[in-house]
N, C-alpha and C. Protein backbone atom coordinates (compact mmCIF):
# COMPACT_ATOMS: atom_id res chain seq x y z
N MET A 1 30.99 134.12 67.38
CA MET A 1 31.97 134.47 68.39
C MET A 1 31.39 134.15 69.77
N ILE A 2 32.15 133.47 70.55
CA ILE A 2 31.72 133.08 71.88
C ILE A 2 32.14 134.17 72.86
N GLY A 3 31.18 134.68 73.59
CA GLY A 3 31.47 135.74 74.57
C GLY A 3 32.08 135.16 75.83
N ILE A 4 32.84 135.98 76.50
CA ILE A 4 33.44 135.58 77.77
C ILE A 4 32.41 135.79 78.87
N MET A 5 32.21 134.78 79.69
CA MET A 5 31.26 134.88 80.78
C MET A 5 31.92 135.64 81.93
N ARG A 6 31.35 136.77 82.28
CA ARG A 6 31.88 137.57 83.38
C ARG A 6 31.13 137.21 84.65
N ARG A 7 31.85 137.18 85.73
CA ARG A 7 31.26 136.89 87.03
C ARG A 7 30.72 138.19 87.61
N ARG A 8 29.50 138.17 88.06
CA ARG A 8 28.88 139.36 88.64
C ARG A 8 29.32 139.44 90.10
N LEU A 9 29.88 140.57 90.48
CA LEU A 9 30.35 140.77 91.84
C LEU A 9 29.38 141.65 92.61
N SER A 10 29.34 141.43 93.92
CA SER A 10 28.54 142.32 94.77
C SER A 10 29.20 143.70 94.77
N THR A 11 28.49 144.68 95.25
CA THR A 11 29.02 146.05 95.32
C THR A 11 30.33 146.07 96.11
N GLU A 12 30.35 145.40 97.25
CA GLU A 12 31.55 145.38 98.10
C GLU A 12 32.71 144.66 97.41
N GLN A 13 32.40 143.54 96.76
CA GLN A 13 33.45 142.79 96.06
C GLN A 13 34.02 143.60 94.90
N ARG A 14 33.16 144.26 94.14
CA ARG A 14 33.62 145.06 93.01
C ARG A 14 34.50 146.21 93.49
N ARG A 15 34.06 146.89 94.53
CA ARG A 15 34.84 148.01 95.08
C ARG A 15 36.21 147.51 95.55
N ALA A 16 36.22 146.39 96.26
CA ALA A 16 37.48 145.81 96.74
C ALA A 16 38.38 145.43 95.57
N GLN A 17 37.79 144.86 94.51
CA GLN A 17 38.56 144.48 93.32
C GLN A 17 39.22 145.72 92.70
N LEU A 18 38.45 146.78 92.54
CA LEU A 18 38.99 148.01 91.95
C LEU A 18 40.10 148.60 92.81
N LEU A 19 39.91 148.59 94.13
CA LEU A 19 40.94 149.10 95.03
C LEU A 19 42.22 148.27 94.94
N THR A 20 42.07 146.95 94.84
CA THR A 20 43.24 146.07 94.73
C THR A 20 44.00 146.34 93.43
N ILE A 21 43.28 146.44 92.33
CA ILE A 21 43.93 146.73 91.04
C ILE A 21 44.62 148.08 91.10
N GLY A 22 43.93 149.08 91.62
CA GLY A 22 44.51 150.42 91.72
C GLY A 22 45.75 150.43 92.60
N ALA A 23 45.70 149.72 93.73
CA ALA A 23 46.85 149.68 94.64
C ALA A 23 48.07 149.09 93.94
N GLU A 24 47.84 148.03 93.16
CA GLU A 24 48.96 147.41 92.43
C GLU A 24 49.55 148.38 91.41
N LEU A 25 48.70 149.09 90.70
CA LEU A 25 49.19 150.02 89.68
C LEU A 25 49.89 151.23 90.30
N PHE A 26 49.27 151.83 91.32
CA PHE A 26 49.88 153.00 91.95
C PHE A 26 51.15 152.64 92.72
N ALA A 27 51.27 151.40 93.16
CA ALA A 27 52.48 150.98 93.86
C ALA A 27 53.67 150.88 92.90
N ARG A 28 53.37 150.62 91.62
CA ARG A 28 54.45 150.44 90.63
C ARG A 28 54.76 151.70 89.84
N ARG A 29 53.79 152.61 89.77
CA ARG A 29 53.97 153.78 88.90
C ARG A 29 53.50 155.05 89.59
N PRO A 30 54.05 156.18 89.18
CA PRO A 30 53.59 157.45 89.74
C PRO A 30 52.12 157.71 89.40
N TYR A 31 51.50 158.55 90.19
CA TYR A 31 50.08 158.89 90.04
C TYR A 31 49.73 159.27 88.61
N GLU A 32 50.52 160.14 88.02
CA GLU A 32 50.20 160.64 86.68
C GLU A 32 50.33 159.59 85.58
N ASP A 33 50.99 158.46 85.88
CA ASP A 33 51.15 157.40 84.89
C ASP A 33 50.12 156.28 85.02
N VAL A 34 49.17 156.43 85.93
CA VAL A 34 48.10 155.45 86.08
C VAL A 34 46.84 156.04 85.46
N TRP A 35 46.21 155.27 84.58
CA TRP A 35 45.03 155.74 83.86
C TRP A 35 43.80 154.97 84.31
N ILE A 36 42.71 155.68 84.51
CA ILE A 36 41.45 155.06 84.91
C ILE A 36 40.99 154.03 83.88
N ASP A 37 41.20 154.32 82.60
CA ASP A 37 40.82 153.36 81.55
C ASP A 37 41.55 152.03 81.73
N GLU A 38 42.81 152.09 82.12
CA GLU A 38 43.59 150.87 82.34
C GLU A 38 43.01 150.07 83.50
N VAL A 39 42.66 150.75 84.58
CA VAL A 39 42.05 150.07 85.73
C VAL A 39 40.76 149.38 85.28
N ALA A 40 39.93 150.11 84.55
CA ALA A 40 38.66 149.55 84.07
C ALA A 40 38.90 148.35 83.15
N ASP A 41 39.88 148.44 82.27
CA ASP A 41 40.19 147.32 81.37
C ASP A 41 40.62 146.09 82.15
N ILE A 42 41.50 146.26 83.13
CA ILE A 42 41.97 145.12 83.92
C ILE A 42 40.80 144.49 84.68
N ALA A 43 39.92 145.33 85.22
CA ALA A 43 38.77 144.83 85.98
C ALA A 43 37.65 144.31 85.08
N GLU A 44 37.80 144.57 83.77
CA GLU A 44 36.78 144.19 82.79
C GLU A 44 35.43 144.83 83.10
N VAL A 45 35.51 146.13 83.41
CA VAL A 45 34.30 146.93 83.65
C VAL A 45 34.40 148.19 82.81
N SER A 46 33.30 148.88 82.70
CA SER A 46 33.33 150.14 81.96
C SER A 46 33.95 151.24 82.83
N ARG A 47 34.47 152.22 82.16
CA ARG A 47 35.00 153.39 82.85
C ARG A 47 33.90 154.04 83.70
N GLY A 48 32.69 154.06 83.16
CA GLY A 48 31.55 154.64 83.89
C GLY A 48 31.27 153.92 85.20
N LEU A 49 31.43 152.58 85.20
CA LEU A 49 31.20 151.84 86.44
C LEU A 49 32.25 152.21 87.48
N LEU A 50 33.50 152.35 87.04
CA LEU A 50 34.54 152.75 87.98
C LEU A 50 34.20 154.12 88.58
N TYR A 51 33.73 155.03 87.73
CA TYR A 51 33.36 156.36 88.23
C TYR A 51 32.09 156.32 89.09
N HIS A 52 31.31 155.27 88.97
CA HIS A 52 30.17 155.09 89.87
C HIS A 52 30.67 154.88 91.30
N TYR A 53 31.76 154.14 91.44
CA TYR A 53 32.32 153.87 92.77
C TYR A 53 33.19 155.02 93.27
N PHE A 54 33.91 155.64 92.36
CA PHE A 54 34.86 156.71 92.72
C PHE A 54 34.65 157.85 91.73
N PRO A 55 34.22 159.03 92.19
CA PRO A 55 33.85 160.11 91.27
C PRO A 55 35.00 160.71 90.47
N SER A 56 36.24 160.44 90.89
CA SER A 56 37.38 161.00 90.17
C SER A 56 38.60 160.11 90.41
N LYS A 57 39.62 160.32 89.63
CA LYS A 57 40.87 159.59 89.82
C LYS A 57 41.43 159.90 91.20
N ARG A 58 41.35 161.15 91.60
CA ARG A 58 41.85 161.55 92.92
C ARG A 58 41.08 160.84 94.04
N ALA A 59 39.76 160.78 93.93
CA ALA A 59 38.96 160.09 94.93
C ALA A 59 39.33 158.61 94.98
N PHE A 60 39.59 158.02 93.82
CA PHE A 60 40.03 156.63 93.72
C PHE A 60 41.37 156.45 94.44
N PHE A 61 42.31 157.33 94.16
CA PHE A 61 43.63 157.26 94.78
C PHE A 61 43.53 157.41 96.30
N LEU A 62 42.75 158.37 96.77
CA LEU A 62 42.59 158.58 98.21
C LEU A 62 41.95 157.36 98.87
N ALA A 63 40.99 156.74 98.20
CA ALA A 63 40.37 155.53 98.74
C ALA A 63 41.38 154.40 98.84
N ILE A 64 42.29 154.31 97.87
CA ILE A 64 43.34 153.29 97.90
C ILE A 64 44.28 153.54 99.06
N VAL A 65 44.73 154.77 99.23
CA VAL A 65 45.64 155.11 100.33
C VAL A 65 44.99 154.77 101.67
N GLU A 66 43.72 155.12 101.80
CA GLU A 66 43.00 154.85 103.04
C GLU A 66 42.86 153.34 103.27
N ALA A 67 42.50 152.60 102.24
CA ALA A 67 42.31 151.15 102.36
C ALA A 67 43.63 150.44 102.66
N GLU A 68 44.70 150.85 101.98
CA GLU A 68 46.01 150.23 102.22
C GLU A 68 46.50 150.54 103.63
N GLY A 69 46.27 151.76 104.09
CA GLY A 69 46.65 152.12 105.45
C GLY A 69 45.90 151.29 106.48
N ALA A 70 44.62 151.06 106.23
CA ALA A 70 43.81 150.24 107.14
C ALA A 70 44.31 148.80 107.15
N LYS A 71 44.66 148.27 105.97
CA LYS A 71 45.20 146.91 105.89
C LYS A 71 46.51 146.79 106.67
N LEU A 72 47.37 147.78 106.49
CA LEU A 72 48.66 147.77 107.17
C LEU A 72 48.47 147.86 108.68
N LEU A 73 47.56 148.70 109.11
CA LEU A 73 47.28 148.84 110.53
C LEU A 73 46.76 147.52 111.10
N GLN A 74 45.87 146.88 110.38
CA GLN A 74 45.33 145.60 110.83
C GLN A 74 46.40 144.51 110.82
N ALA A 75 47.21 144.47 109.77
CA ALA A 75 48.25 143.44 109.66
C ALA A 75 49.32 143.58 110.73
N SER A 76 49.53 144.80 111.21
CA SER A 76 50.59 145.02 112.19
C SER A 76 50.06 145.06 113.62
N ALA A 77 48.84 144.58 113.82
CA ALA A 77 48.28 144.54 115.18
C ALA A 77 49.20 143.72 116.07
N PRO A 78 49.48 144.23 117.27
CA PRO A 78 50.43 143.53 118.13
C PRO A 78 49.89 142.21 118.68
N ASP A 79 50.80 141.30 118.91
CA ASP A 79 50.48 140.03 119.55
C ASP A 79 50.62 140.24 121.05
N PRO A 80 49.53 140.25 121.80
CA PRO A 80 49.61 140.57 123.22
C PRO A 80 50.39 139.55 124.05
N THR A 81 50.70 138.39 123.47
CA THR A 81 51.48 137.40 124.22
C THR A 81 52.97 137.71 124.19
N LEU A 82 53.39 138.64 123.31
CA LEU A 82 54.80 139.01 123.22
C LEU A 82 55.13 140.16 124.16
N PRO A 83 56.39 140.25 124.61
CA PRO A 83 56.81 141.43 125.37
C PRO A 83 56.71 142.67 124.48
N PRO A 84 56.54 143.86 125.08
CA PRO A 84 56.34 145.08 124.29
C PRO A 84 57.39 145.34 123.21
N LEU A 85 58.67 145.12 123.50
CA LEU A 85 59.70 145.37 122.49
C LEU A 85 59.55 144.42 121.31
N ASP A 86 59.22 143.17 121.59
CA ASP A 86 59.01 142.19 120.51
C ASP A 86 57.75 142.52 119.70
N GLN A 87 56.71 143.03 120.37
CA GLN A 87 55.51 143.48 119.65
C GLN A 87 55.88 144.60 118.68
N LEU A 88 56.69 145.53 119.17
CA LEU A 88 57.11 146.66 118.34
C LEU A 88 57.91 146.18 117.13
N LYS A 89 58.87 145.29 117.37
CA LYS A 89 59.69 144.79 116.27
C LYS A 89 58.86 144.01 115.25
N ALA A 90 57.89 143.25 115.72
CA ALA A 90 57.02 142.51 114.79
C ALA A 90 56.23 143.47 113.91
N GLY A 91 55.71 144.54 114.50
CA GLY A 91 54.99 145.55 113.73
C GLY A 91 55.89 146.25 112.74
N LEU A 92 57.11 146.55 113.16
CA LEU A 92 58.08 147.19 112.27
C LEU A 92 58.44 146.29 111.09
N GLU A 93 58.59 145.00 111.36
CA GLU A 93 58.89 144.04 110.29
C GLU A 93 57.81 144.08 109.21
N ILE A 94 56.57 144.13 109.63
CA ILE A 94 55.46 144.18 108.68
C ILE A 94 55.50 145.48 107.89
N TYR A 95 55.71 146.58 108.58
CA TYR A 95 55.73 147.90 107.95
C TYR A 95 56.89 148.03 106.96
N ILE A 96 58.07 147.61 107.37
CA ILE A 96 59.24 147.67 106.50
C ILE A 96 59.05 146.72 105.31
N GLY A 97 58.51 145.54 105.57
CA GLY A 97 58.24 144.59 104.49
C GLY A 97 57.28 145.16 103.46
N TYR A 98 56.26 145.86 103.92
CA TYR A 98 55.31 146.50 103.01
C TYR A 98 56.03 147.53 102.14
N ALA A 99 56.85 148.35 102.76
CA ALA A 99 57.60 149.38 102.02
C ALA A 99 58.55 148.73 101.01
N GLU A 100 59.14 147.62 101.39
CA GLU A 100 60.08 146.92 100.51
C GLU A 100 59.35 146.32 99.30
N ARG A 101 58.16 145.79 99.51
CA ARG A 101 57.38 145.20 98.41
C ARG A 101 56.73 146.26 97.52
N HIS A 102 56.45 147.44 98.08
CA HIS A 102 55.75 148.50 97.35
C HIS A 102 56.49 149.83 97.49
N PRO A 103 57.75 149.90 97.07
CA PRO A 103 58.53 151.12 97.32
C PRO A 103 57.95 152.37 96.67
N ASP A 104 57.44 152.25 95.45
CA ASP A 104 56.89 153.44 94.79
C ASP A 104 55.64 153.93 95.50
N GLY A 105 54.75 153.02 95.83
CA GLY A 105 53.53 153.39 96.54
C GLY A 105 53.83 153.96 97.92
N PHE A 106 54.81 153.39 98.59
CA PHE A 106 55.21 153.89 99.91
C PHE A 106 55.73 155.32 99.80
N ARG A 107 56.57 155.56 98.81
CA ARG A 107 57.11 156.91 98.59
C ARG A 107 55.99 157.91 98.31
N VAL A 108 55.12 157.55 97.38
CA VAL A 108 54.03 158.46 97.00
C VAL A 108 53.17 158.80 98.22
N ALA A 109 52.76 157.78 98.96
CA ALA A 109 51.87 158.00 100.09
C ALA A 109 52.50 158.89 101.15
N HIS A 110 53.79 158.70 101.42
CA HIS A 110 54.42 159.47 102.50
C HIS A 110 54.91 160.84 102.05
N GLN A 111 55.39 160.94 100.85
CA GLN A 111 55.89 162.24 100.40
C GLN A 111 54.76 163.17 100.01
N ALA A 112 53.71 162.65 99.40
CA ALA A 112 52.59 163.50 98.97
C ALA A 112 51.81 164.03 100.16
N ALA A 113 51.83 163.32 101.28
CA ALA A 113 51.08 163.76 102.46
C ALA A 113 51.57 165.10 102.99
N ALA A 114 52.81 165.44 102.68
CA ALA A 114 53.36 166.71 103.15
C ALA A 114 52.72 167.90 102.46
N THR A 115 52.20 167.71 101.27
CA THR A 115 51.65 168.83 100.50
C THR A 115 50.18 168.67 100.13
N ASP A 116 49.58 167.58 100.51
CA ASP A 116 48.19 167.30 100.13
C ASP A 116 47.34 167.17 101.39
N ASP A 117 46.38 168.05 101.56
CA ASP A 117 45.56 168.07 102.78
C ASP A 117 44.79 166.77 103.00
N ASP A 118 44.23 166.20 101.93
CA ASP A 118 43.47 164.97 102.08
C ASP A 118 44.36 163.79 102.47
N LEU A 119 45.52 163.69 101.84
CA LEU A 119 46.46 162.63 102.21
C LEU A 119 46.99 162.85 103.62
N HIS A 120 47.21 164.10 103.98
CA HIS A 120 47.67 164.42 105.34
C HIS A 120 46.62 163.98 106.36
N ARG A 121 45.34 164.21 106.08
CA ARG A 121 44.27 163.80 106.98
C ARG A 121 44.26 162.28 107.16
N ILE A 122 44.41 161.55 106.07
CA ILE A 122 44.44 160.08 106.14
C ILE A 122 45.65 159.63 106.96
N GLN A 123 46.79 160.25 106.69
CA GLN A 123 48.01 159.88 107.41
C GLN A 123 47.88 160.21 108.90
N ARG A 124 47.32 161.36 109.25
CA ARG A 124 47.15 161.74 110.66
C ARG A 124 46.26 160.73 111.38
N SER A 125 45.22 160.28 110.72
CA SER A 125 44.32 159.30 111.32
C SER A 125 45.07 158.00 111.62
N ARG A 126 45.89 157.56 110.66
CA ARG A 126 46.68 156.33 110.85
C ARG A 126 47.71 156.53 111.95
N ILE A 127 48.37 157.69 111.96
CA ILE A 127 49.38 157.98 112.98
C ILE A 127 48.75 157.99 114.37
N THR A 128 47.58 158.58 114.49
CA THR A 128 46.89 158.61 115.78
C THR A 128 46.59 157.19 116.26
N ALA A 129 46.11 156.34 115.36
CA ALA A 129 45.81 154.95 115.73
C ALA A 129 47.08 154.21 116.14
N LEU A 130 48.16 154.40 115.38
CA LEU A 130 49.43 153.76 115.73
C LEU A 130 49.97 154.29 117.05
N ARG A 131 49.91 155.61 117.22
CA ARG A 131 50.40 156.22 118.46
C ARG A 131 49.66 155.64 119.66
N ASP A 132 48.35 155.57 119.58
CA ASP A 132 47.56 155.05 120.69
C ASP A 132 47.90 153.58 120.97
N ARG A 133 48.11 152.81 119.90
CA ARG A 133 48.49 151.41 120.05
C ARG A 133 49.85 151.29 120.74
N ILE A 134 50.80 152.09 120.32
CA ILE A 134 52.15 152.03 120.90
C ILE A 134 52.13 152.50 122.35
N LEU A 135 51.40 153.56 122.63
CA LEU A 135 51.31 154.05 124.02
C LEU A 135 50.70 152.99 124.93
N ALA A 136 49.71 152.26 124.43
CA ALA A 136 49.12 151.18 125.23
C ALA A 136 50.16 150.10 125.53
N GLY A 137 50.99 149.77 124.54
CA GLY A 137 52.05 148.79 124.76
C GLY A 137 53.12 149.30 125.72
N LEU A 138 53.48 150.57 125.58
CA LEU A 138 54.49 151.15 126.46
C LEU A 138 54.01 151.25 127.90
N SER A 139 52.71 151.39 128.08
CA SER A 139 52.18 151.53 129.44
C SER A 139 52.46 150.29 130.29
N ALA A 140 52.78 149.18 129.66
CA ALA A 140 53.13 147.96 130.39
C ALA A 140 54.53 148.02 130.97
N VAL A 141 55.38 148.93 130.44
CA VAL A 141 56.78 148.96 130.89
C VAL A 141 57.23 150.32 131.41
N THR A 142 56.41 151.35 131.27
CA THR A 142 56.80 152.68 131.74
C THR A 142 55.55 153.52 131.99
N THR A 143 55.77 154.63 132.65
CA THR A 143 54.68 155.59 132.84
C THR A 143 54.51 156.37 131.55
N VAL A 144 53.31 156.39 131.05
CA VAL A 144 53.02 157.12 129.81
C VAL A 144 52.47 158.49 130.20
N ASP A 145 53.18 159.53 129.76
CA ASP A 145 52.76 160.89 130.04
C ASP A 145 52.80 161.70 128.75
N GLU A 146 52.64 163.01 128.84
CA GLU A 146 52.63 163.85 127.64
C GLU A 146 53.97 163.81 126.90
N GLN A 147 55.07 163.71 127.64
CA GLN A 147 56.38 163.61 126.97
C GLN A 147 56.46 162.33 126.16
N THR A 148 55.96 161.25 126.73
CA THR A 148 55.97 159.97 126.01
C THR A 148 55.11 160.07 124.76
N ARG A 149 53.93 160.68 124.88
CA ARG A 149 53.03 160.84 123.73
C ARG A 149 53.71 161.62 122.62
N ILE A 150 54.38 162.72 122.98
CA ILE A 150 55.07 163.54 121.98
C ILE A 150 56.24 162.76 121.38
N ALA A 151 56.97 162.02 122.22
CA ALA A 151 58.10 161.23 121.72
C ALA A 151 57.63 160.18 120.72
N VAL A 152 56.53 159.51 121.02
CA VAL A 152 56.00 158.48 120.11
C VAL A 152 55.52 159.12 118.81
N THR A 153 54.86 160.25 118.90
CA THR A 153 54.40 160.94 117.69
C THR A 153 55.59 161.34 116.82
N GLY A 154 56.65 161.86 117.44
CA GLY A 154 57.87 162.20 116.69
C GLY A 154 58.51 160.97 116.07
N TRP A 155 58.51 159.87 116.82
CA TRP A 155 59.09 158.63 116.31
C TRP A 155 58.32 158.13 115.09
N LEU A 156 56.99 158.30 115.12
CA LEU A 156 56.18 157.88 113.98
C LEU A 156 56.48 158.70 112.72
N ALA A 157 57.00 159.89 112.88
CA ALA A 157 57.46 160.68 111.73
C ALA A 157 58.84 160.21 111.28
N PHE A 158 59.66 159.78 112.25
CA PHE A 158 61.02 159.31 111.96
C PHE A 158 61.02 158.03 111.12
N VAL A 159 60.16 157.08 111.48
CA VAL A 159 60.21 155.75 110.86
C VAL A 159 60.06 155.78 109.34
N PRO A 160 59.05 156.45 108.77
CA PRO A 160 58.96 156.44 107.30
C PRO A 160 60.13 157.14 106.63
N VAL A 161 60.68 158.17 107.27
CA VAL A 161 61.84 158.85 106.70
C VAL A 161 63.04 157.90 106.69
N ALA A 162 63.22 157.16 107.78
CA ALA A 162 64.32 156.18 107.84
C ALA A 162 64.12 155.10 106.79
N ILE A 163 62.90 154.64 106.61
CA ILE A 163 62.63 153.61 105.60
C ILE A 163 62.88 154.15 104.20
N LEU A 164 62.43 155.37 103.92
CA LEU A 164 62.69 155.97 102.61
C LEU A 164 64.19 156.08 102.34
N GLU A 165 64.95 156.50 103.34
CA GLU A 165 66.41 156.59 103.19
C GLU A 165 66.99 155.21 102.90
N TRP A 166 66.50 154.20 103.61
CA TRP A 166 66.99 152.84 103.43
C TRP A 166 66.61 152.30 102.05
N LEU A 167 65.40 152.61 101.57
CA LEU A 167 65.02 152.18 100.23
C LEU A 167 65.93 152.78 99.17
N ASP A 168 66.31 154.05 99.36
CA ASP A 168 67.19 154.72 98.41
C ASP A 168 68.64 154.24 98.50
N ASP A 169 69.07 153.87 99.71
CA ASP A 169 70.45 153.46 99.93
C ASP A 169 70.49 152.41 101.04
N PRO A 170 70.26 151.14 100.69
CA PRO A 170 70.20 150.10 101.71
C PRO A 170 71.59 149.73 102.26
N ALA A 171 72.19 150.66 102.96
CA ALA A 171 73.54 150.46 103.49
C ALA A 171 73.54 149.53 104.71
N ILE A 172 72.38 149.31 105.31
CA ILE A 172 72.26 148.37 106.42
C ILE A 172 71.21 147.33 106.03
N THR A 173 71.20 146.23 106.76
CA THR A 173 70.23 145.17 106.46
C THR A 173 68.83 145.57 106.94
N ARG A 174 67.88 144.84 106.47
CA ARG A 174 66.50 145.07 106.90
C ARG A 174 66.37 144.86 108.41
N ASP A 175 67.02 143.81 108.94
CA ASP A 175 66.98 143.56 110.38
C ASP A 175 67.63 144.70 111.16
N GLU A 176 68.72 145.23 110.62
CA GLU A 176 69.38 146.36 111.30
C GLU A 176 68.49 147.60 111.29
N LEU A 177 67.78 147.81 110.19
CA LEU A 177 66.85 148.94 110.13
C LEU A 177 65.73 148.77 111.17
N CYS A 178 65.18 147.58 111.25
CA CYS A 178 64.13 147.29 112.21
C CYS A 178 64.63 147.54 113.64
N ASP A 179 65.81 147.05 113.92
CA ASP A 179 66.40 147.22 115.25
C ASP A 179 66.67 148.70 115.55
N LEU A 180 67.19 149.42 114.56
CA LEU A 180 67.44 150.86 114.72
C LEU A 180 66.14 151.59 115.07
N CYS A 181 65.09 151.30 114.35
CA CYS A 181 63.81 151.97 114.61
C CYS A 181 63.28 151.63 116.00
N ALA A 182 63.38 150.36 116.39
CA ALA A 182 62.91 149.95 117.72
C ALA A 182 63.73 150.61 118.82
N ARG A 183 65.06 150.60 118.67
CA ARG A 183 65.93 151.23 119.68
C ARG A 183 65.67 152.73 119.78
N THR A 184 65.36 153.36 118.65
CA THR A 184 65.10 154.80 118.65
C THR A 184 63.84 155.11 119.46
N LEU A 185 62.81 154.30 119.31
CA LEU A 185 61.60 154.53 120.12
C LEU A 185 61.90 154.30 121.60
N TRP A 186 62.62 153.22 121.88
CA TRP A 186 62.93 152.92 123.27
C TRP A 186 63.72 154.08 123.89
N ALA A 187 64.67 154.61 123.17
CA ALA A 187 65.45 155.75 123.68
C ALA A 187 64.58 156.99 123.83
N ALA A 188 63.72 157.25 122.86
CA ALA A 188 62.84 158.43 122.93
C ALA A 188 61.89 158.34 124.12
N ALA A 189 61.50 157.12 124.48
CA ALA A 189 60.61 156.92 125.62
C ALA A 189 61.38 156.81 126.93
N GLY A 190 62.72 156.91 126.86
CA GLY A 190 63.54 156.85 128.06
C GLY A 190 63.71 155.45 128.61
N LEU A 191 63.63 154.45 127.75
CA LEU A 191 63.76 153.06 128.17
C LEU A 191 65.06 152.46 127.64
N ARG A 192 65.46 151.38 128.27
CA ARG A 192 66.61 150.61 127.79
C ARG A 192 66.11 149.24 127.36
N PRO A 193 66.51 148.79 126.16
CA PRO A 193 66.08 147.45 125.73
C PRO A 193 66.58 146.38 126.69
N ALA A 194 65.76 145.38 126.94
CA ALA A 194 66.14 144.29 127.86
C ALA A 194 67.17 143.39 127.22
């Protein structure tokens, strides 16, 4: 019998591979329907090796949520050559597109954060980074004060709820959803779209 030659990955590559496999599985199925053995089988590693990187299924899931959030934050970085409203819409397009491609994972990450302290901590960190990014963009077109900061923070809670509603009942187009979210922030910040 001829054995299959496995490629040896560095620690960072192996961890990234496991996170990618886990993200794909958790995006398609609920948490309780994803098995560590399945992840190990797909990665062609032992269950013990997976537990070497992540001490529990929960730790694995939290690492995936954190990694996916970081990817989304990086992918939605604003293009400084665009006007602020266009920067916002471009970021929203990426965020909505992610939710559209991974509806189950998007639901799990946002709904579980309401009742899970660790997920809430990860989400708060991402929200703070997004809020600061948006406030920096808004400072080019308006005075940013405490009211603006609170309005942006509230808007960041509105957007995932609007996306979840749209995923459940897409009564408007994706472009209309993006425009609605952008106009809502502009209104909350006391601005009028140009």
